[in-house]
Amino acid sequence: MELSIALLNFVYAIFGALMTLVFMMIGYRIFDKITPFDTSRQLSEKNIAVGIVVGSIFIGLGIAIGLVIGMGLN
């Protein structure tokens, strides 16, 4: 009985992690569309300011979406 609950929670965690990654990718693409510069090019040119902003967006989206998905799955 306990093994099935643990396995189900593991499946929920994997599903939540995959959904979080998908939404983070969508968030990055939206950010790339609303900025007047090419974010990918700026990152490849080692623009530290853009890297910090993109990293902050990933952290913020990851926390927010991860919590929402985690609370929704339990």
Protein backbone atom coordinates (compact mmCIF):
# COMPACT_ATOMS: atom_id res chain seq x y z
CA MET A 1 0.00 0.00 0.00
CA GLU A 2 2.72 2.48 0.94
CA LEU A 3 4.77 1.58 -2.12
CA SER A 4 1.93 2.50 -4.47
CA ILE A 5 1.49 5.87 -2.73
CA ALA A 6 5.22 6.57 -2.98
CA LEU A 7 5.23 5.56 -6.65
CA LEU A 8 2.22 7.77 -7.38
CA ASN A 9 3.89 10.73 -5.66
CA PHE A 10 7.03 10.11 -7.72
CA VAL A 11 5.00 10.12 -10.94
CA TYR A 12 3.32 13.37 -9.82
CA ALA A 13 6.73 14.92 -9.14
CA ILE A 14 8.08 13.93 -12.57
CA PHE A 15 4.93 15.20 -14.29
CA GLY A 16 5.12 18.47 -12.36
CA ALA A 17 8.79 18.92 -13.23
CA LEU A 18 8.12 18.36 -16.93
CA MET A 19 5.21 20.80 -16.90
CA THR A 20 7.37 23.38 -15.11
CA LEU A 21 10.07 23.06 -17.78
CA VAL A 22 7.51 23.48 -20.55
CA PHE A 23 6.06 26.60 -18.96
CA MET A 24 9.55 28.00 -18.35
CA MET A 25 10.31 27.54 -22.06
CA ILE A 26 7.07 29.31 -22.96
CA GLY A 27 7.93 32.13 -20.55
CA TYR A 28 11.38 32.54 -22.12
CA ARG A 29 9.86 32.72 -25.61
CA ILE A 30 7.35 35.34 -24.48
CA PHE A 31 10.20 37.35 -22.91
CA ASP A 32 12.17 37.04 -26.15
CA LYS A 33 9.20 38.35 -28.16
CA ILE A 34 8.49 41.39 -25.93
CA THR A 35 12.09 42.62 -25.72
CA PRO A 36 13.41 44.84 -28.55
CA PHE A 37 16.61 42.77 -28.86
CA ASP A 38 17.40 39.16 -29.69
CA THR A 39 17.86 37.49 -26.32
CA SER A 40 19.59 34.41 -27.72
CA ARG A 41 22.14 36.52 -29.60
CA GLN A 42 22.83 38.64 -26.53
CA LEU A 43 23.37 35.51 -24.44
CA SER A 44 25.73 34.06 -27.04
CA GLU A 45 27.69 37.33 -26.96
CA LYS A 46 28.09 36.83 -23.18
CA ASN A 47 25.99 39.83 -22.17
CA ILE A 48 26.00 39.45 -18.38
CA ALA A 49 23.03 41.78 -17.77
CA VAL A 50 20.78 39.77 -20.09
CA GLY A 51 22.00 36.55 -18.49
CA ILE A 52 21.09 37.79 -15.03
CA VAL A 53 17.62 38.85 -16.19
CA VAL A 54 16.96 35.55 -17.98
CA GLY A 55 18.21 33.60 -14.97
CA SER A 56 15.93 35.61 -12.70
CA ILE A 57 12.99 34.91 -14.98
CA PHE A 58 13.73 31.18 -14.88
CA ILE A 59 13.98 31.19 -11.09
CA GLY A 60 10.77 33.19 -10.68
CA LEU A 61 8.80 31.12 -13.17
CA GLY A 62 10.17 27.89 -11.75
CA ILE A 63 9.16 28.75 -8.21
CA ALA A 64 5.72 30.10 -9.11
CA ILE A 65 4.73 27.41 -11.60
CA GLY A 66 6.30 24.64 -9.54
CA LEU A 67 4.25 25.64 -6.51
CA VAL A 68 1.04 25.91 -8.50
CA ILE A 69 1.55 22.53 -10.14
CA GLY A 70 2.68 20.95 -6.88
CA MET A 71 -0.35 22.19 -5.00
CA GLY A 72 -2.66 21.17 -7.85
CA LEU A 73 -1.36 17.63 -8.04
CA ASN A 74 -1.67 16.88 -4.33
